[in-house]
Each structure stands twice: as C-alpha cells, then as structure tokens.
Amino acid sequence: MTVFSDLNLDGNTPVRARPAHGEWGPNAVDSTAVRKRHRVYAVIAFVVALAVIVGVGYFWYRVAMGY
C-alpha cells in the first residue's frame, strides 16, 4: 500500500458536484494579488465598522448623560 499515490483529489465525488478544472488548476480562482487586496479591504472595513460603533456609542452616552 503506497501513501499519496492517488492524485485524483475529487475522489468518489459525483461528476456533477465537482468544480470545473482549468488546464493548470481550478477556474475562477482569484489571483494572489486580489486575495492580498481583499485582506487589506477586510482590515479597513473592520476598523471603519469599529470606529462607527464606538462613535455611535459615545454619541448616545453623551445624550444619556445630558452633555
């Protein structure tokens, strides 16, 4: 019994459920540059969302305290 000899990564998956494969890999996969940009966008979106939540909380705190 050899280990890692089967290069068919789809295994027993039905043909209709398999992803489309290109010549050198799966189709419609983002490039590394696009994935890096998406990581940066996610961090920026998180920081903006956190700032909005803190800002709204501070605003309502000021309203509740009567400042």
Protein backbone atom coordinates (compact mmCIF):
# COMPACT_ATOMS: atom_id res chain seq x y z
CA MET A 1 0.00 0.00 0.00
CA THR A 2 1.51 3.31 -1.07
CA VAL A 3 0.68 6.59 0.56
CA PHE A 4 -0.25 9.63 -1.54
CA SER A 5 -0.24 7.73 -4.81
CA ASP A 6 -3.77 8.77 -5.88
CA LEU A 7 -3.58 12.22 -7.46
CA ASN A 8 -7.34 12.34 -8.11
CA LEU A 9 -8.31 14.88 -5.44
CA ASP A 10 -12.00 14.59 -6.32
CA GLY A 11 -12.16 11.01 -5.06
CA ASN A 12 -15.62 9.47 -5.26
CA THR A 13 -17.38 12.82 -5.74
CA PRO A 14 -20.04 12.69 -8.47
CA VAL A 15 -19.10 14.47 -11.69
CA ARG A 16 -21.97 16.96 -11.34
CA ALA A 17 -20.63 18.07 -7.94
CA ARG A 18 -17.01 18.54 -8.98
CA PRO A 19 -15.65 22.03 -9.61
CA ALA A 20 -14.58 22.90 -13.13
CA HIS A 21 -10.85 22.48 -13.62
CA GLY A 22 -8.69 24.51 -15.92
CA GLU A 23 -5.52 23.33 -17.57
CA TRP A 24 -3.37 24.08 -14.51
CA GLY A 25 -5.94 24.40 -11.73
CA PRO A 26 -9.47 25.41 -10.80
CA ASN A 27 -11.21 28.08 -12.86
CA ALA A 28 -12.41 31.39 -11.38
CA VAL A 29 -9.91 31.45 -8.51
CA ASP A 30 -8.69 34.88 -7.52
CA SER A 31 -5.04 35.66 -8.03
CA THR A 32 -2.69 36.19 -5.10
CA ALA A 33 -2.72 39.95 -5.65
CA VAL A 34 -6.51 40.06 -5.49
CA ARG A 35 -6.52 37.99 -2.30
CA LYS A 36 -3.96 40.36 -0.73
CA ARG A 37 -6.14 43.35 -1.64
CA HIS A 38 -9.18 41.63 -0.14
CA ARG A 39 -7.28 41.06 3.11
CA VAL A 40 -6.44 44.78 3.27
CA TYR A 41 -10.07 45.71 2.48
CA ALA A 42 -11.28 43.42 5.26
CA VAL A 43 -8.98 45.09 7.80
CA ILE A 44 -10.05 48.56 6.66
CA ALA A 45 -13.74 47.58 6.82
CA PHE A 46 -13.25 46.19 10.34
CA VAL A 47 -11.54 49.38 11.54
CA VAL A 48 -14.23 51.59 9.98
CA ALA A 49 -17.03 49.47 11.49
CA LEU A 50 -15.35 49.58 14.90
CA ALA A 51 -14.97 53.37 14.66
CA VAL A 52 -18.64 53.76 13.73
CA ILE A 53 -19.74 51.57 16.66
CA VAL A 54 -17.54 53.47 19.11
CA GLY A 55 -18.70 56.81 17.70
CA VAL A 56 -22.37 55.94 17.94
CA GLY A 57 -21.86 54.57 21.46
CA TYR A 58 -20.08 57.75 22.52
CA PHE A 59 -22.83 59.86 20.97
CA TRP A 60 -25.57 58.00 22.85
CA TYR A 61 -23.52 58.11 26.06
CA ARG A 62 -23.30 61.89 25.73
CA VAL A 63 -27.06 62.09 25.03
CA ALA A 64 -27.87 59.89 28.03
CA MET A 65 -25.65 61.91 30.38
CA GLY A 66 -27.15 65.20 29.18
CA TYR A 67 -23.96 66.86 27.91
